[in-house]
Amino acid sequence: MNLEIVKSFFKLIRWFHELLAVLPFVALYLIIDYYARKSGLYCELSGFNFVLLCICVQLLIAAGCILNDIMDRDIDKINKPNTHIIGRTISLAQAKKLFIVFTILIIILSAYISCYVFKEWAFISTSVYVLSILYDVYFKKSPLMGNILMAGLAAFIPLVLFFFAKDCIDVLHNEKINLLIYLYAAFPFLIIIPRELSLDISDMEGDKAVGCRTLPIVIGVKKAKLTVLAFILLTIVLSFILMYVYSYLLYTCLLVDLFLVYYLFQLKKSEQRIEYIRAGRFLWFTMIIGLIGFSISSAFVGVINNE
């Protein structure tokens, strides 16, 4: 297989986004497993089943990314003339075959997980798959709804642990673990919405050409930036509430807030597409730092224990 095709495949399935999605998921599993062992209480937490669940989650994300590029192939030719994938390094037919293969694998793994791990996965996986298709086909072209849906799908991943690790969470009966899971869901949700909005600004030329009605096209760049500002300010306000209620998160929240303020300065001066992309990458970095900080604060300040 040509090396260029291999590289294009990993770009097509958004390997970095896959990594960002699964690492917090794995981190939460390890934290729950560690404190379950530490407590001396027995609960069912199969490593093998968790690996299968991770693979299925990754396949769901990858299938959505492939369909996204299939639907956006004309837009990408305008926005990314030298780096678009479908029609340049991977043909449309090959992309469609990959999507079908991934869908079949999702069905097989979901059937096993639903039958032998937790039955709720049948509804969850079907809903995520259908919503991903609706996002690519319809919601992505509409103002704001697509951004919220994308963030919601990403934020829901950590919440799956409430079903997968239900026995352990019930046995430990520790509200601090629940809080950490909610933080792993809420923080990415609040970060992804402004990131996607800023990318919509950078993609306006291609979106206009195919008749999309994203928020920047509908209200203009200046007002779209103000909308991003509103979401970032909301995140900062919520962080202050979090600091007040849970003082052990003080330093993490302050650090994240500083990064978010710096991002706003980056966004304000952004004009070229590459500048918006760099600003978006900085938001990813901020999200990673925040999640790591929440985990370290919980683990080393004596929070997820019986103090």
C-alpha atoms as a PDB file:
ATOM      1  CA  MET A   1       0.000   0.000   0.000  1.00  0.00           C
ATOM      2  CA  ASN A   2       1.316   3.431  -0.928  1.00  0.00           C
ATOM      3  CA  LEU A   3       2.595   5.432   2.062  1.00  0.00           C
ATOM      4  CA  GLU A   4       0.679   8.498   0.870  1.00  0.00           C
ATOM      5  CA  ILE A   5      -2.571   6.511   0.922  1.00  0.00           C
ATOM      6  CA  VAL A   6      -1.848   5.293   4.462  1.00  0.00           C
ATOM      7  CA  LYS A   7      -1.225   8.859   5.619  1.00  0.00           C
ATOM      8  CA  SER A   8      -4.395   9.999   3.861  1.00  0.00           C
ATOM      9  CA  PHE A   9      -6.383   7.241   5.566  1.00  0.00           C
ATOM     10  CA  PHE A  10      -5.320   8.415   9.018  1.00  0.00           C
ATOM     11  CA  LYS A  11      -6.117  11.998   8.056  1.00  0.00           C
ATOM     12  CA  LEU A  12      -9.486  10.875   6.725  1.00  0.00           C
ATOM     13  CA  ILE A  13     -10.500   9.253  10.030  1.00  0.00           C
ATOM     14  CA  ARG A  14      -9.079  12.236  12.005  1.00  0.00           C
ATOM     15  CA  TRP A  15      -6.603  10.197  14.047  1.00  0.00           C
ATOM     16  CA  PHE A  16      -5.898  13.143  16.363  1.00  0.00           C
ATOM     17  CA  HIS A  17      -9.583  13.640  17.113  1.00  0.00           C
ATOM     18  CA  GLU A  18      -9.872   9.897  17.745  1.00  0.00           C
ATOM     19  CA  LEU A  19      -7.012  10.153  20.222  1.00  0.00           C
ATOM     20  CA  LEU A  20      -8.576  13.144  21.963  1.00  0.00           C
ATOM     21  CA  ALA A  21     -11.851  11.237  22.283  1.00  0.00           C
ATOM     22  CA  VAL A  22     -10.474   7.960  23.628  1.00  0.00           C
ATOM     23  CA  LEU A  23      -7.750   9.182  26.021  1.00  0.00           C
ATOM     24  CA  PRO A  24     -10.173  10.826  28.501  1.00  0.00           C
ATOM     25  CA  PHE A  25     -12.358   7.721  28.218  1.00  0.00           C
ATOM     26  CA  VAL A  26      -9.383   5.487  29.087  1.00  0.00           C
ATOM     27  CA  ALA A  27      -8.245   7.839  31.857  1.00  0.00           C
ATOM     28  CA  LEU A  28     -11.650   7.678  33.551  1.00  0.00           C
ATOM     29  CA  TYR A  29     -11.686   3.876  33.290  1.00  0.00           C
ATOM     30  CA  LEU A  30      -8.242   3.648  34.908  1.00  0.00           C
ATOM     31  CA  ILE A  31      -9.228   6.062  37.682  1.00  0.00           C
ATOM     32  CA  ILE A  32     -12.384   4.096  38.486  1.00  0.00           C
ATOM     33  CA  ASP A  33     -10.481   0.795  38.338  1.00  0.00           C
ATOM     34  CA  TYR A  34      -7.689   2.130  40.586  1.00  0.00           C
ATOM     35  CA  TYR A  35     -10.015   3.354  43.307  1.00  0.00           C
ATOM     36  CA  ALA A  36     -12.137   0.229  43.095  1.00  0.00           C
ATOM     37  CA  ARG A  37      -9.012  -1.862  43.787  1.00  0.00           C
ATOM     38  CA  LYS A  38      -7.823   0.570  46.459  1.00  0.00           C
ATOM     39  CA  SER A  39     -11.132   0.391  48.288  1.00  0.00           C
ATOM     40  CA  GLY A  40     -10.983  -3.399  48.429  1.00  0.00           C
ATOM     41  CA  LEU A  41     -14.538  -3.602  47.134  1.00  0.00           C
ATOM     42  CA  TYR A  42     -15.269  -6.054  44.336  1.00  0.00           C
ATOM     43  CA  CYS A  43     -17.011  -4.868  41.198  1.00  0.00           C
ATOM     44  CA  GLU A  44     -17.135  -6.053  37.589  1.00  0.00           C
ATOM     45  CA  LEU A  45     -14.884  -3.987  35.316  1.00  0.00           C
ATOM     46  CA  SER A  46     -13.696  -6.126  32.391  1.00  0.00           C
ATOM     47  CA  GLY A  47     -10.606  -4.821  30.612  1.00  0.00           C
ATOM     48  CA  PHE A  48     -11.375  -6.904  27.514  1.00  0.00           C
ATOM     49  CA  ASN A  49     -14.895  -5.550  27.206  1.00  0.00           C
ATOM     50  CA  PHE A  50     -13.629  -2.022  27.746  1.00  0.00           C
ATOM     51  CA  VAL A  51     -11.148  -2.413  24.867  1.00  0.00           C
ATOM     52  CA  LEU A  52     -13.991  -3.598  22.615  1.00  0.00           C
ATOM     53  CA  LEU A  53     -16.080  -0.617  23.714  1.00  0.00           C
ATOM     54  CA  CYS A  54     -13.189   1.747  22.905  1.00  0.00           C
ATOM     55  CA  ILE A  55     -12.776   0.192  19.462  1.00  0.00           C
ATOM     56  CA  CYS A  56     -16.502   0.567  18.779  1.00  0.00           C
ATOM     57  CA  VAL A  57     -16.417   4.213  19.872  1.00  0.00           C
ATOM     58  CA  GLN A  58     -13.424   4.817  17.600  1.00  0.00           C
ATOM     59  CA  LEU A  59     -15.207   3.167  14.677  1.00  0.00           C
ATOM     60  CA  LEU A  60     -18.269   5.366  15.230  1.00  0.00           C
ATOM     61  CA  ILE A  61     -16.077   8.470  15.155  1.00  0.00           C
ATOM     62  CA  ALA A  62     -14.140   7.264  12.113  1.00  0.00           C
ATOM     63  CA  ALA A  63     -17.305   6.442  10.166  1.00  0.00           C
ATOM     64  CA  GLY A  64     -18.650   9.912  10.910  1.00  0.00           C
ATOM     65  CA  CYS A  65     -15.391  11.515   9.743  1.00  0.00           C
ATOM     66  CA  ILE A  66     -15.399   9.530   6.492  1.00  0.00           C
ATOM     67  CA  LEU A  67     -18.999  10.460   5.751  1.00  0.00           C
ATOM     68  CA  ASN A  68     -18.181  14.080   6.603  1.00  0.00           C
ATOM     69  CA  ASP A  69     -15.421  14.171   3.978  1.00  0.00           C
ATOM     70  CA  ILE A  70     -17.639  12.421   1.433  1.00  0.00           C
ATOM     71  CA  MET A  71     -20.344  15.046   1.907  1.00  0.00           C
ATOM     72  CA  ASP A  72     -17.823  17.914   2.015  1.00  0.00           C
ATOM     73  CA  ARG A  73     -15.662  16.882  -0.941  1.00  0.00           C
ATOM     74  CA  ASP A  74     -16.728  19.895  -3.057  1.00  0.00           C
ATOM     75  CA  ILE A  75     -16.295  22.285  -0.129  1.00  0.00           C
ATOM     76  CA  ASP A  76     -12.848  20.887   0.647  1.00  0.00           C
ATOM     77  CA  LYS A  77     -11.693  21.419  -2.929  1.00  0.00           C
ATOM     78  CA  ILE A  78     -12.261  25.136  -2.355  1.00  0.00           C
ATOM     79  CA  ASN A  79     -11.142  25.486   1.263  1.00  0.00           C
ATOM     80  CA  LYS A  80      -8.288  22.963   1.078  1.00  0.00           C
ATOM     81  CA  PRO A  81      -7.254  22.761  -2.600  1.00  0.00           C
ATOM     82  CA  ASN A  82      -3.881  21.150  -1.863  1.00  0.00           C
ATOM     83  CA  THR A  83      -4.719  19.040   1.173  1.00  0.00           C
ATOM     84  CA  HIS A  84      -8.228  17.645   0.583  1.00  0.00           C
ATOM     85  CA  ILE A  85      -8.301  13.856   0.604  1.00  0.00           C
ATOM     86  CA  ILE A  86     -11.285  12.463  -1.317  1.00  0.00           C
ATOM     87  CA  GLY A  87     -10.733  12.800  -5.038  1.00  0.00           C
ATOM     88  CA  ARG A  88      -7.030  13.501  -4.589  1.00  0.00           C
ATOM     89  CA  THR A  89      -5.353  10.621  -2.710  1.00  0.00           C
ATOM     90  CA  ILE A  90      -8.410   8.480  -1.894  1.00  0.00           C
ATOM     91  CA  SER A  91     -11.160   8.055  -4.456  1.00  0.00           C
ATOM     92  CA  LEU A  92     -14.842   8.582  -3.684  1.00  0.00           C
ATOM     93  CA  ALA A  93     -15.501   4.874  -4.310  1.00  0.00           C
ATOM     94  CA  GLN A  94     -12.773   3.861  -1.855  1.00  0.00           C
ATOM     95  CA  ALA A  95     -14.155   6.241   0.781  1.00  0.00           C
ATOM     96  CA  LYS A  96     -17.648   4.787   0.384  1.00  0.00           C
ATOM     97  CA  LYS A  97     -16.267   1.231   0.749  1.00  0.00           C
ATOM     98  CA  LEU A  98     -14.437   2.250   3.933  1.00  0.00           C
ATOM     99  CA  PHE A  99     -17.638   3.729   5.331  1.00  0.00           C
ATOM    100  CA  ILE A 100     -19.524   0.483   4.622  1.00  0.00           C
ATOM    101  CA  VAL A 101     -16.764  -1.661   6.190  1.00  0.00           C
ATOM    102  CA  PHE A 102     -16.691   0.506   9.309  1.00  0.00           C
ATOM    103  CA  THR A 103     -20.489   0.372   9.551  1.00  0.00           C
ATOM    104  CA  ILE A 104     -20.455  -3.442   9.419  1.00  0.00           C
ATOM    105  CA  LEU A 105     -17.783  -3.570  12.141  1.00  0.00           C
ATOM    106  CA  ILE A 106     -19.835  -1.174  14.274  1.00  0.00           C
ATOM    107  CA  ILE A 107     -22.904  -3.423  13.949  1.00  0.00           C
ATOM    108  CA  ILE A 108     -20.925  -6.555  14.912  1.00  0.00           C
ATOM    109  CA  LEU A 109     -19.230  -4.997  17.944  1.00  0.00           C
ATOM    110  CA  SER A 110     -22.402  -3.217  19.053  1.00  0.00           C
ATOM    111  CA  ALA A 111     -24.323  -6.493  18.951  1.00  0.00           C
ATOM    112  CA  TYR A 112     -21.735  -8.134  21.230  1.00  0.00           C
ATOM    113  CA  ILE A 113     -21.577  -5.182  23.654  1.00  0.00           C
ATOM    114  CA  SER A 114     -25.376  -4.909  23.813  1.00  0.00           C
ATOM    115  CA  CYS A 115     -25.805  -8.638  24.483  1.00  0.00           C
ATOM    116  CA  TYR A 116     -22.891  -9.309  26.849  1.00  0.00           C
ATOM    117  CA  VAL A 117     -21.798  -6.003  28.420  1.00  0.00           C
ATOM    118  CA  PHE A 118     -24.668  -3.532  28.795  1.00  0.00           C
ATOM    119  CA  LYS A 119     -27.916  -3.539  26.824  1.00  0.00           C
ATOM    120  CA  GLU A 120     -28.167   0.273  26.712  1.00  0.00           C
ATOM    121  CA  TRP A 121     -25.383   0.305  24.124  1.00  0.00           C
ATOM    122  CA  ALA A 122     -27.849  -0.828  21.424  1.00  0.00           C
ATOM    123  CA  PHE A 123     -29.782   2.430  21.808  1.00  0.00           C
ATOM    124  CA  ILE A 124     -26.673   4.573  22.368  1.00  0.00           C
ATOM    125  CA  SER A 125     -24.714   3.306  19.351  1.00  0.00           C
ATOM    126  CA  THR A 126     -27.746   3.511  17.055  1.00  0.00           C
ATOM    127  CA  SER A 127     -28.524   7.055  18.211  1.00  0.00           C
ATOM    128  CA  VAL A 128     -24.913   8.215  17.789  1.00  0.00           C
ATOM    129  CA  TYR A 129     -24.688   6.652  14.326  1.00  0.00           C
ATOM    130  CA  VAL A 130     -27.972   8.198  13.136  1.00  0.00           C
ATOM    131  CA  LEU A 131     -27.169  11.610  14.641  1.00  0.00           C
ATOM    132  CA  SER A 132     -23.745  11.547  12.971  1.00  0.00           C
ATOM    133  CA  ILE A 133     -25.408  10.983   9.602  1.00  0.00           C
ATOM    134  CA  LEU A 134     -27.948  13.741  10.268  1.00  0.00           C
ATOM    135  CA  TYR A 135     -25.110  16.068  11.229  1.00  0.00           C
ATOM    136  CA  ASP A 136     -23.195  15.427   7.993  1.00  0.00           C
ATOM    137  CA  VAL A 137     -26.244  15.517   5.748  1.00  0.00           C
ATOM    138  CA  TYR A 138     -28.278  18.317   7.309  1.00  0.00           C
ATOM    139  CA  PHE A 139     -27.310  19.958  10.611  1.00  0.00           C
ATOM    140  CA  LYS A 140     -23.753  20.858   9.632  1.00  0.00           C
ATOM    141  CA  LYS A 141     -25.111  23.241   6.997  1.00  0.00           C
ATOM    142  CA  SER A 142     -27.414  25.015   9.455  1.00  0.00           C
ATOM    143  CA  PRO A 143     -26.487  27.822  11.862  1.00  0.00           C
ATOM    144  CA  LEU A 144     -25.257  26.717  15.308  1.00  0.00           C
ATOM    145  CA  MET A 145     -27.291  23.484  15.534  1.00  0.00           C
ATOM    146  CA  GLY A 146     -24.523  21.501  13.851  1.00  0.00           C
ATOM    147  CA  ASN A 147     -21.919  22.916  16.235  1.00  0.00           C
ATOM    148  CA  ILE A 148     -24.012  22.023  19.274  1.00  0.00           C
ATOM    149  CA  LEU A 149     -24.742  18.525  17.959  1.00  0.00           C
ATOM    150  CA  MET A 150     -21.054  17.869  17.256  1.00  0.00           C
ATOM    151  CA  ALA A 151     -20.110  19.016  20.756  1.00  0.00           C
ATOM    152  CA  GLY A 152     -22.913  16.951  22.275  1.00  0.00           C
ATOM    153  CA  LEU A 153     -21.805  13.749  20.550  1.00  0.00           C
ATOM    154  CA  ALA A 154     -18.220  14.257  21.729  1.00  0.00           C
ATOM    155  CA  ALA A 155     -19.295  15.135  25.269  1.00  0.00           C
ATOM    156  CA  PHE A 156     -21.498  12.045  25.571  1.00  0.00           C
ATOM    157  CA  ILE A 157     -18.556   9.619  25.253  1.00  0.00           C
ATOM    158  CA  PRO A 158     -17.400   9.848  28.916  1.00  0.00           C
ATOM    159  CA  LEU A 159     -20.999   9.507  30.118  1.00  0.00           C
ATOM    160  CA  VAL A 160     -21.086   5.984  28.642  1.00  0.00           C
ATOM    161  CA  LEU A 161     -19.045   4.922  31.685  1.00  0.00           C
ATOM    162  CA  PHE A 162     -22.141   5.441  33.839  1.00  0.00           C
ATOM    163  CA  PHE A 163     -23.546   2.401  32.003  1.00  0.00           C
ATOM    164  CA  PHE A 164     -20.367   0.373  31.452  1.00  0.00           C
ATOM    165  CA  ALA A 165     -18.979   0.837  34.992  1.00  0.00           C
ATOM    166  CA  LYS A 166     -22.343   1.115  36.752  1.00  0.00           C
ATOM    167  CA  ASP A 167     -21.545  -1.633  39.289  1.00  0.00           C
ATOM    168  CA  CYS A 168     -18.244  -0.030  40.307  1.00  0.00           C
ATOM    169  CA  ILE A 169     -19.683   3.467  40.502  1.00  0.00           C
ATOM    170  CA  ASP A 170     -22.589   2.195  42.651  1.00  0.00           C
ATOM    171  CA  VAL A 171     -20.272   0.199  44.936  1.00  0.00           C
ATOM    172  CA  LEU A 172     -17.833   3.077  45.438  1.00  0.00           C
ATOM    173  CA  HIS A 173     -20.729   5.487  45.958  1.00  0.00           C
ATOM    174  CA  ASN A 174     -18.412   8.470  45.621  1.00  0.00           C
ATOM    175  CA  GLU A 175     -19.843  11.702  44.262  1.00  0.00           C
ATOM    176  CA  LYS A 176     -16.339  12.925  43.408  1.00  0.00           C
ATOM    177  CA  ILE A 177     -15.973  10.237  40.737  1.00  0.00           C
ATOM    178  CA  ASN A 178     -19.331  11.276  39.299  1.00  0.00           C
ATOM    179  CA  LEU A 179     -18.158  14.892  39.234  1.00  0.00           C
ATOM    180  CA  LEU A 180     -15.003  13.954  37.336  1.00  0.00           C
ATOM    181  CA  ILE A 181     -17.041  12.088  34.702  1.00  0.00           C
ATOM    182  CA  TYR A 182     -19.351  15.087  34.300  1.00  0.00           C
ATOM    183  CA  LEU A 183     -16.342  17.396  33.966  1.00  0.00           C
ATOM    184  CA  TYR A 184     -14.927  15.149  31.244  1.00  0.00           C
ATOM    185  CA  ALA A 185     -18.215  15.589  29.395  1.00  0.00           C
ATOM    186  CA  ALA A 186     -19.061  19.248  30.080  1.00  0.00           C
ATOM    187  CA  PHE A 187     -15.644  20.804  29.490  1.00  0.00           C
ATOM    188  CA  PRO A 188     -15.144  19.376  25.958  1.00  0.00           C
ATOM    189  CA  PHE A 189     -18.738  20.377  25.145  1.00  0.00           C
ATOM    190  CA  LEU A 190     -18.023  23.989  26.103  1.00  0.00           C
ATOM    191  CA  ILE A 191     -14.725  24.003  24.173  1.00  0.00           C
ATOM    192  CA  ILE A 192     -15.870  22.287  20.972  1.00  0.00           C
ATOM    193  CA  ILE A 193     -18.743  24.699  20.243  1.00  0.00           C
ATOM    194  CA  PRO A 194     -16.570  27.851  19.963  1.00  0.00           C
ATOM    195  CA  ARG A 195     -13.874  25.876  18.155  1.00  0.00           C
ATOM    196  CA  GLU A 196     -16.321  24.654  15.522  1.00  0.00           C
ATOM    197  CA  LEU A 197     -17.787  28.145  15.180  1.00  0.00           C
ATOM    198  CA  SER A 198     -14.354  29.659  14.563  1.00  0.00           C
ATOM    199  CA  LEU A 199     -13.646  26.992  11.936  1.00  0.00           C
ATOM    200  CA  ASP A 200     -16.954  27.840  10.268  1.00  0.00           C
ATOM    201  CA  ILE A 201     -15.610  31.372   9.869  1.00  0.00           C
ATOM    202  CA  SER A 202     -12.472  30.043   8.178  1.00  0.00           C
ATOM    203  CA  ASP A 203     -14.525  27.797   5.853  1.00  0.00           C
ATOM    204  CA  MET A 204     -17.010  30.459   4.724  1.00  0.00           C
ATOM    205  CA  GLU A 205     -15.786  30.573   1.110  1.00  0.00           C
ATOM    206  CA  GLY A 206     -16.345  26.885   0.454  1.00  0.00           C
ATOM    207  CA  ASP A 207     -19.555  26.753   2.528  1.00  0.00           C
ATOM    208  CA  LYS A 208     -21.074  29.630   0.558  1.00  0.00           C
ATOM    209  CA  ALA A 209     -20.247  27.933  -2.744  1.00  0.00           C
ATOM    210  CA  VAL A 210     -22.424  24.906  -1.917  1.00  0.00           C
ATOM    211  CA  GLY A 211     -25.260  26.795  -0.245  1.00  0.00           C
ATOM    212  CA  CYS A 212     -24.495  26.156   3.443  1.00  0.00           C
ATOM    213  CA  ARG A 213     -26.121  28.399   6.042  1.00  0.00           C
ATOM    214  CA  THR A 214     -23.584  28.281   8.856  1.00  0.00           C
ATOM    215  CA  LEU A 215     -23.738  30.955  11.547  1.00  0.00           C
ATOM    216  CA  PRO A 216     -20.940  33.186  10.123  1.00  0.00           C
ATOM    217  CA  ILE A 217     -22.663  33.196   6.722  1.00  0.00           C
ATOM    218  CA  VAL A 218     -26.018  34.098   8.281  1.00  0.00           C
ATOM    219  CA  ILE A 219     -24.898  36.805  10.741  1.00  0.00           C
ATOM    220  CA  GLY A 220     -21.444  37.772   9.464  1.00  0.00           C
ATOM    221  CA  VAL A 221     -17.903  37.306  10.768  1.00  0.00           C
ATOM    222  CA  LYS A 222     -18.004  40.048  13.401  1.00  0.00           C
ATOM    223  CA  LYS A 223     -21.177  38.768  15.073  1.00  0.00           C
ATOM    224  CA  ALA A 224     -19.950  35.171  14.789  1.00  0.00           C
ATOM    225  CA  LYS A 225     -16.805  36.147  16.693  1.00  0.00           C
ATOM    226  CA  LEU A 226     -19.007  37.768  19.335  1.00  0.00           C
ATOM    227  CA  THR A 227     -20.915  34.478  19.618  1.00  0.00           C
ATOM    228  CA  VAL A 228     -17.625  32.645  20.174  1.00  0.00           C
ATOM    229  CA  LEU A 229     -16.761  35.267  22.795  1.00  0.00           C
ATOM    230  CA  ALA A 230     -20.083  34.610  24.538  1.00  0.00           C
ATOM    231  CA  PHE A 231     -19.421  30.859  24.763  1.00  0.00           C
ATOM    232  CA  ILE A 232     -15.897  31.400  26.080  1.00  0.00           C
ATOM    233  CA  LEU A 233     -17.134  33.900  28.680  1.00  0.00           C
ATOM    234  CA  LEU A 234     -19.839  31.411  29.712  1.00  0.00           C
ATOM    235  CA  THR A 235     -17.132  28.783  30.226  1.00  0.00           C
ATOM    236  CA  ILE A 236     -15.105  31.198  32.367  1.00  0.00           C
ATOM    237  CA  VAL A 237     -18.146  32.127  34.482  1.00  0.00           C
ATOM    238  CA  LEU A 238     -18.941  28.449  35.041  1.00  0.00           C
ATOM    239  CA  SER A 239     -15.321  27.832  36.035  1.00  0.00           C
ATOM    240  CA  PHE A 240     -15.621  30.458  38.779  1.00  0.00           C
ATOM    241  CA  ILE A 241     -18.700  28.695  40.105  1.00  0.00           C
ATOM    242  CA  LEU A 242     -16.774  25.416  39.990  1.00  0.00           C
ATOM    243  CA  MET A 243     -13.845  26.973  41.881  1.00  0.00           C
ATOM    244  CA  TYR A 244     -16.197  28.305  44.543  1.00  0.00           C
ATOM    245  CA  VAL A 245     -17.970  24.982  45.109  1.00  0.00           C
ATOM    246  CA  TYR A 246     -14.920  22.705  44.676  1.00  0.00           C
ATOM    247  CA  SER A 247     -11.862  24.592  45.896  1.00  0.00           C
ATOM    248  CA  TYR A 248      -9.459  21.788  44.925  1.00  0.00           C
ATOM    249  CA  LEU A 249     -10.094  22.695  41.260  1.00  0.00           C
ATOM    250  CA  LEU A 250      -8.966  26.290  41.796  1.00  0.00           C
ATOM    251  CA  TYR A 251      -5.564  26.125  40.083  1.00  0.00           C
ATOM    252  CA  THR A 252      -6.767  24.080  37.122  1.00  0.00           C
ATOM    253  CA  CYS A 253      -9.681  26.436  36.484  1.00  0.00           C
ATOM    254  CA  LEU A 254      -7.480  29.529  36.767  1.00  0.00           C
ATOM    255  CA  LEU A 255      -4.963  28.089  34.312  1.00  0.00           C
ATOM    256  CA  VAL A 256      -7.710  27.161  31.847  1.00  0.00           C
ATOM    257  CA  ASP A 257      -9.244  30.635  32.156  1.00  0.00           C
ATOM    258  CA  LEU A 258      -5.891  32.258  31.338  1.00  0.00           C
ATOM    259  CA  PHE A 259      -5.594  30.066  28.238  1.00  0.00           C
ATOM    260  CA  LEU A 260      -9.142  30.951  27.192  1.00  0.00           C
ATOM    261  CA  VAL A 261      -8.427  34.685  27.516  1.00  0.00           C
ATOM    262  CA  TYR A 262      -5.298  34.222  25.391  1.00  0.00           C
ATOM    263  CA  TYR A 263      -7.400  32.337  22.809  1.00  0.00           C
ATOM    264  CA  LEU A 264      -9.791  35.282  22.586  1.00  0.00           C
ATOM    265  CA  PHE A 265      -6.872  37.568  21.693  1.00  0.00           C
ATOM    266  CA  GLN A 266      -5.799  35.041  19.044  1.00  0.00           C
ATOM    267  CA  LEU A 267      -9.315  34.898  17.612  1.00  0.00           C
ATOM    268  CA  LYS A 268      -9.692  38.681  17.543  1.00  0.00           C
ATOM    269  CA  LYS A 269      -6.652  39.154  15.313  1.00  0.00           C
ATOM    270  CA  SER A 270      -7.327  36.093  13.108  1.00  0.00           C
ATOM    271  CA  GLU A 271      -8.135  36.844   9.481  1.00  0.00           C
ATOM    272  CA  GLN A 272      -6.543  34.072   7.404  1.00  0.00           C
ATOM    273  CA  ARG A 273      -7.777  30.482   7.425  1.00  0.00           C
ATOM    274  CA  ILE A 274      -4.479  29.180   8.868  1.00  0.00           C
ATOM    275  CA  GLU A 275      -4.822  31.627  11.778  1.00  0.00           C
ATOM    276  CA  TYR A 276      -8.247  30.245  12.675  1.00  0.00           C
ATOM    277  CA  ILE A 277      -6.868  26.701  12.448  1.00  0.00           C
ATOM    278  CA  ARG A 278      -3.985  27.570  14.785  1.00  0.00           C
ATOM    279  CA  ALA A 279      -6.402  29.189  17.227  1.00  0.00           C
ATOM    280  CA  GLY A 280      -8.517  26.028  17.099  1.00  0.00           C
ATOM    281  CA  ARG A 281      -5.476  23.891  17.858  1.00  0.00           C
ATOM    282  CA  PHE A 282      -4.762  26.069  20.869  1.00  0.00           C
ATOM    283  CA  LEU A 283      -8.287  25.358  22.106  1.00  0.00           C
ATOM    284  CA  TRP A 284      -7.585  21.618  21.778  1.00  0.00           C
ATOM    285  CA  PHE A 285      -4.429  22.158  23.862  1.00  0.00           C
ATOM    286  CA  THR A 286      -6.466  24.062  26.456  1.00  0.00           C
ATOM    287  CA  MET A 287      -8.988  21.231  26.630  1.00  0.00           C
ATOM    288  CA  ILE A 288      -6.249  18.621  27.164  1.00  0.00           C
ATOM    289  CA  ILE A 289      -4.605  20.705  29.893  1.00  0.00           C
ATOM    290  CA  GLY A 290      -7.963  21.156  31.600  1.00  0.00           C
ATOM    291  CA  LEU A 291      -8.797  17.442  31.596  1.00  0.00           C
ATOM    292  CA  ILE A 292      -5.341  16.514  32.881  1.00  0.00           C
ATOM    293  CA  GLY A 293      -5.638  19.182  35.579  1.00  0.00           C
ATOM    294  CA  PHE A 294      -9.051  17.937  36.708  1.00  0.00           C
ATOM    295  CA  SER A 295      -7.676  14.383  36.971  1.00  0.00           C
ATOM    296  CA  ILE A 296      -4.524  15.382  38.862  1.00  0.00           C
ATOM    297  CA  SER A 297      -6.470  17.623  41.233  1.00  0.00           C
ATOM    298  CA  SER A 298      -8.891  14.795  41.965  1.00  0.00           C
ATOM    299  CA  ALA A 299      -6.211  12.152  42.424  1.00  0.00           C
ATOM    300  CA  PHE A 300      -3.583  14.039  44.410  1.00  0.00           C
ATOM    301  CA  VAL A 301      -5.546  16.398  46.602  1.00  0.00           C
ATOM    302  CA  GLY A 302      -7.240  13.513  48.331  1.00  0.00           C
ATOM    303  CA  VAL A 303     -10.573  14.045  46.684  1.00  0.00           C
ATOM    304  CA  ILE A 304     -11.482  10.678  45.256  1.00  0.00           C
ATOM    305  CA  ASN A 305     -11.028   8.915  48.534  1.00  0.00           C
ATOM    306  CA  ASN A 306     -12.748   8.821  51.872  1.00  0.00           C
ATOM    307  CA  GLU A 307     -11.289  11.955  53.426  1.00  0.00           C
END
